[in-house]
Amino acid sequence: MEYNTYNKLFKNMNVLLLLQQTAGRQATEAMPVLTDPVSTTLPTEAQMNIIDLAQKGGWIMIVLLVLSLVAFFIFIQRFLIIRRANKSDEGFMNRIKDYIYDGKIESALNLCRKTKSQSARMIEKGISRLGRPMNDVLVAIENVGNIEVAKLEKGLSILSTIAAAAPMIGFLGTVTGMVRAFFAMANAGTNVDISMLSSGIYEALVTTVGGLIVGIITLFGYNYLVAQVDNVVNNLEARTMEFMDLLNEPAN
């Protein structure tokens, strides 16, 4: 009798436990999944590339772009020409000396004509003036040298102008941008919104940065080319002195 009673109680407890587990599982499945409100409500950070930033500068940036392209073209052109002028042929002057010592003036002139360099054109002019006073020969060589240096410096004045004008044009964009911003503020009256001023402020700041970048880079390029031209001038002067010493040796 007691055994049957305990057996029934045990079965009833198992049934209750199963019902509780089933109810708990259903409640868990029905419970909505909570998400982090911070991760869903945070706005994405705005991204801006160089092109978008440049467009904020308005028409001033177009002017600066044209100036930068002109400066880049002149720099590359002058760089290649000046680098070619800096290359010296050591065997050239030795052959000229041999021809002068042997009295082969025509051969020396032909060698100068075949050699495409600034120093060769200067020496050719000096050889063509042989027989005249040494001062006349030196003046003729120097005149040709001045012409050759002027050819090398062609376009450098444009680079210096761009280096000085680009920051000023950028500052012009700063002024026009601030004028636009204050004009929009005046027309808005009491309903001033920061979004109304953003375009003018963007133009003011972006054009200043653009003008400074173009001007600084162009200035560095200009100074580099000027230094290279100075090296060419020093080499031409050295060749001139070497040729004049060559002319004085037979007389001694």
Protein backbone atom coordinates (compact mmCIF):
# COMPACT_ATOMS: atom_id res chain seq x y z
CA MET A 1 0.00 0.00 0.00
CA GLU A 2 2.68 2.52 0.98
CA TYR A 3 4.84 1.44 -1.97
CA ASN A 4 2.09 2.24 -4.47
CA THR A 5 1.51 5.61 -2.85
CA TYR A 6 5.22 6.59 -3.13
CA ASN A 7 5.30 5.39 -6.73
CA LYS A 8 2.36 7.61 -7.67
CA LEU A 9 3.91 10.62 -5.93
CA PHE A 10 7.20 10.07 -7.77
CA LYS A 11 5.43 9.92 -11.13
CA ASN A 12 3.45 13.08 -10.37
CA MET A 13 6.69 14.97 -9.50
CA ASN A 14 8.29 13.90 -12.81
CA VAL A 15 5.26 15.17 -14.70
CA LEU A 16 5.45 18.53 -12.90
CA LEU A 17 9.18 18.87 -13.70
CA LEU A 18 8.55 18.16 -17.39
CA LEU A 19 5.78 20.75 -17.50
CA GLN A 20 8.03 23.37 -15.87
CA GLN A 21 10.90 22.70 -18.33
CA THR A 22 8.54 22.93 -21.31
CA ALA A 23 7.02 26.19 -20.08
CA GLY A 24 10.47 27.69 -19.47
CA ARG A 25 11.68 26.73 -22.97
CA GLN A 26 8.62 28.29 -24.62
CA ALA A 27 9.01 31.48 -22.61
CA THR A 28 12.67 31.74 -23.65
CA GLU A 29 11.86 31.29 -27.32
CA ALA A 30 9.06 33.84 -27.17
CA MET A 31 11.28 36.44 -25.45
CA PRO A 32 12.41 39.19 -27.94
CA VAL A 33 16.13 39.53 -28.60
CA LEU A 34 17.46 42.79 -27.17
CA THR A 35 20.02 44.71 -29.21
CA ASP A 36 22.47 47.34 -28.15
CA PRO A 37 20.79 50.69 -28.85
CA VAL A 38 24.17 52.43 -29.02
CA SER A 39 25.43 50.26 -31.86
CA THR A 40 22.24 50.77 -33.91
CA THR A 41 21.82 54.49 -33.42
CA LEU A 42 25.41 55.70 -33.99
CA PRO A 43 25.69 57.56 -37.32
CA THR A 44 28.39 56.55 -39.76
CA GLU A 45 31.38 58.87 -40.03
CA ALA A 46 31.40 61.04 -43.16
CA GLN A 47 34.21 60.41 -45.60
CA MET A 48 35.69 62.99 -47.99
CA ASN A 49 38.37 62.48 -50.62
CA ILE A 50 40.63 65.05 -52.26
CA ILE A 51 38.34 65.51 -55.28
CA ASP A 52 35.31 66.27 -53.12
CA LEU A 53 37.38 68.66 -51.05
CA ALA A 54 38.71 70.44 -54.13
CA GLN A 55 35.19 70.91 -55.48
CA LYS A 56 34.32 72.89 -52.37
CA GLY A 57 36.85 75.53 -53.45
CA GLY A 58 34.86 76.68 -56.46
CA TRP A 59 36.30 78.21 -59.62
CA ILE A 60 39.50 79.31 -57.87
CA MET A 61 40.58 75.66 -57.70
CA ILE A 62 40.29 75.43 -61.50
CA VAL A 63 42.73 78.31 -61.85
CA LEU A 64 45.12 76.67 -59.40
CA LEU A 65 44.84 73.37 -61.28
CA VAL A 66 45.79 75.06 -64.56
CA LEU A 67 48.75 76.79 -62.90
CA SER A 68 49.95 73.52 -61.40
CA LEU A 69 49.79 71.75 -64.77
CA VAL A 70 51.73 74.57 -66.46
CA ALA A 71 54.35 74.51 -63.70
CA PHE A 72 54.68 70.72 -63.94
CA PHE A 73 55.13 70.83 -67.72
CA ILE A 74 57.79 73.57 -67.56
CA PHE A 75 59.65 71.82 -64.75
CA ILE A 76 59.84 68.48 -66.59
CA GLN A 77 60.91 70.15 -69.84
CA ARG A 78 63.61 72.29 -68.23
CA PHE A 79 64.79 69.43 -66.05
CA LEU A 80 65.47 67.19 -69.06
CA ILE A 81 67.22 69.97 -71.01
CA ILE A 82 69.38 71.12 -68.09
CA ARG A 83 70.33 67.57 -67.16
CA ARG A 84 71.48 66.99 -70.73
CA ALA A 85 73.52 70.19 -70.57
CA ASN A 86 75.18 69.05 -67.34
CA LYS A 87 76.60 65.95 -69.01
CA SER A 88 80.19 66.67 -69.97
CA ASP A 89 82.30 64.81 -72.52
CA GLU A 90 85.82 64.72 -71.11
CA GLY A 91 87.25 63.48 -74.38
CA PHE A 92 85.96 66.51 -76.28
CA MET A 93 88.51 68.99 -74.98
CA ASN A 94 91.33 66.48 -75.37
CA ARG A 95 90.53 66.07 -79.05
CA ILE A 96 90.27 69.84 -79.47
CA LYS A 97 93.72 70.21 -77.93
CA ASP A 98 95.17 67.65 -80.32
CA TYR A 99 93.66 69.38 -83.34
CA ILE A 100 94.87 72.82 -82.21
CA TYR A 101 98.39 71.55 -81.52
CA ASP A 102 98.50 69.87 -84.93
CA GLY A 103 97.12 72.97 -86.66
CA LYS A 104 93.98 71.13 -87.83
CA ILE A 105 91.60 74.03 -87.33
CA GLU A 106 88.99 72.76 -89.76
CA SER A 107 88.89 69.38 -88.04
CA ALA A 108 88.37 71.13 -84.70
CA LEU A 109 85.48 73.14 -86.16
CA ASN A 110 83.88 70.00 -87.58
CA LEU A 111 84.14 68.29 -84.21
CA CYS A 112 82.42 71.26 -82.54
CA ARG A 113 79.61 71.19 -85.11
CA LYS A 114 79.05 67.47 -84.60
CA THR A 115 78.99 67.79 -80.82
CA LYS A 116 75.59 69.07 -79.72
CA SER A 117 76.37 70.87 -76.50
CA GLN A 118 76.64 74.40 -75.14
CA SER A 119 80.38 74.19 -74.57
CA ALA A 120 80.97 72.90 -78.12
CA ARG A 121 79.15 75.91 -79.59
CA MET A 122 81.20 78.24 -77.41
CA ILE A 123 84.50 76.61 -78.43
CA GLU A 124 83.43 76.72 -82.08
CA LYS A 125 82.94 80.47 -81.85
CA GLY A 126 86.34 80.85 -80.20
CA ILE A 127 88.09 78.77 -82.88
CA SER A 128 86.42 80.81 -85.61
CA ARG A 129 87.98 83.94 -84.06
CA LEU A 130 91.54 82.60 -84.03
CA GLY A 131 94.08 85.14 -85.30
CA ARG A 132 92.35 88.02 -83.58
CA PRO A 133 93.33 89.56 -80.22
CA MET A 134 92.74 87.26 -77.28
CA ASN A 135 90.29 89.71 -75.75
CA ASP A 136 88.10 89.52 -78.89
CA VAL A 137 88.17 85.73 -78.76
CA LEU A 138 87.13 85.76 -75.09
CA VAL A 139 84.32 88.25 -75.72
CA ALA A 140 82.97 86.13 -78.60
CA ILE A 141 82.96 83.02 -76.41
CA GLU A 142 81.24 84.85 -73.55
CA ASN A 143 78.53 86.19 -75.85
CA VAL A 144 77.72 82.68 -77.05
CA GLY A 145 77.77 81.48 -73.44
CA ASN A 146 75.26 84.14 -72.41
CA ILE A 147 72.94 83.07 -75.22
CA GLU A 148 73.21 79.42 -74.20
CA VAL A 149 72.47 80.20 -70.56
CA ALA A 150 69.47 82.30 -71.59
CA LYS A 151 68.13 79.29 -73.51
CA LEU A 152 68.50 77.12 -70.44
CA GLU A 153 66.68 79.67 -68.27
CA LYS A 154 63.76 79.90 -70.67
CA GLY A 155 60.54 79.33 -68.75
CA LEU A 156 62.04 79.73 -65.29
CA SER A 157 60.51 83.18 -64.97
CA ILE A 158 57.08 81.58 -65.46
CA LEU A 159 57.82 79.15 -62.64
CA SER A 160 58.81 81.97 -60.31
CA THR A 161 55.63 83.85 -61.22
CA ILE A 162 53.45 80.81 -60.48
CA ALA A 163 55.27 80.25 -57.18
CA ALA A 164 54.44 83.81 -56.13
CA ALA A 165 50.96 84.07 -57.67
CA ALA A 166 49.45 80.76 -56.51
CA PRO A 167 49.27 81.68 -52.79
CA MET A 168 47.84 85.10 -53.71
CA ILE A 169 45.14 83.45 -55.83
CA GLY A 170 44.41 81.15 -52.90
CA PHE A 171 43.98 84.17 -50.64
CA LEU A 172 41.64 85.66 -53.25
CA GLY A 173 39.51 82.56 -52.89
CA THR A 174 39.58 83.09 -49.12
CA VAL A 175 38.19 86.60 -49.53
CA THR A 176 35.49 85.58 -52.00
CA GLY A 177 34.49 82.65 -49.79
CA MET A 178 34.09 84.87 -46.73
CA VAL A 179 32.12 87.38 -48.79
CA ARG A 180 29.73 84.58 -49.80
CA ALA A 181 29.40 83.45 -46.20
CA PHE A 182 28.57 86.94 -44.89
CA PHE A 183 26.25 87.59 -47.82
CA ALA A 184 24.26 84.46 -46.96
CA MET A 185 24.25 85.50 -43.29
CA ALA A 186 22.92 88.97 -44.15
CA ASN A 187 20.14 87.61 -46.33
CA ALA A 188 19.09 85.08 -43.70
CA GLY A 189 18.39 87.78 -41.13
CA THR A 190 17.61 86.22 -37.77
CA ASN A 191 17.26 82.70 -39.22
CA VAL A 192 20.99 82.07 -39.53
CA ASP A 193 21.91 78.41 -40.01
CA ILE A 194 25.45 77.03 -40.02
CA SER A 195 24.66 75.03 -43.19
CA MET A 196 24.12 78.32 -45.04
CA LEU A 197 27.66 79.41 -44.21
CA SER A 198 29.42 76.10 -44.83
CA SER A 199 29.90 76.54 -48.60
CA GLY A 200 31.54 79.95 -48.23
CA ILE A 201 33.76 78.80 -45.38
CA TYR A 202 34.77 75.71 -47.35
CA GLU A 203 35.77 77.89 -50.31
CA ALA A 204 37.76 80.20 -48.05
CA LEU A 205 39.78 77.41 -46.43
CA VAL A 206 40.22 75.04 -49.36
CA THR A 207 41.48 77.70 -51.76
CA THR A 208 44.02 78.88 -49.21
CA VAL A 209 45.37 75.36 -48.78
CA GLY A 210 45.41 74.75 -52.54
CA GLY A 211 47.24 78.00 -53.30
CA LEU A 212 49.88 77.33 -50.67
CA ILE A 213 50.48 73.76 -51.90
CA VAL A 214 50.92 74.85 -55.52
CA GLY A 215 53.12 77.78 -54.56
CA ILE A 216 55.40 75.84 -52.22
CA ILE A 217 55.97 72.93 -54.61
CA THR A 218 56.60 75.29 -57.53
CA LEU A 219 59.06 77.33 -55.48
CA PHE A 220 61.08 74.24 -54.59
CA GLY A 221 61.11 73.18 -58.24
CA TYR A 222 62.21 76.64 -59.38
CA ASN A 223 65.08 76.82 -56.90
CA TYR A 224 66.24 73.34 -57.89
CA LEU A 225 66.38 74.28 -61.58
CA VAL A 226 68.21 77.53 -60.80
CA ALA A 227 70.84 75.56 -58.88
CA GLN A 228 71.25 73.19 -61.83
CA VAL A 229 71.67 76.11 -64.24
CA ASP A 230 74.37 77.52 -61.98
CA ASN A 231 76.23 74.21 -62.27
CA VAL A 232 76.03 74.43 -66.06
CA VAL A 233 77.37 77.99 -65.97
CA ASN A 234 80.31 76.90 -63.81
CA ASN A 235 81.10 74.11 -66.26
CA LEU A 236 80.96 76.50 -69.22
CA GLU A 237 83.28 78.92 -67.49
CA ALA A 238 85.71 76.11 -66.77
CA ARG A 239 85.70 75.07 -70.43
CA THR A 240 86.23 78.67 -71.50
CA MET A 241 89.27 79.06 -69.27
CA GLU A 242 90.63 75.74 -70.45
CA PHE A 243 90.31 76.82 -74.08
CA MET A 244 91.92 80.20 -73.44
CA ASP A 245 94.84 78.50 -71.68
CA LEU A 246 95.15 76.24 -74.69
CA LEU A 247 95.48 79.25 -76.98
CA ASN A 248 98.15 80.80 -74.78
CA GLU A 249 100.32 77.70 -74.57
CA PRO A 250 101.84 77.84 -78.09
CA ALA A 251 102.78 81.47 -77.56
CA ASN A 252 104.66 80.59 -74.42
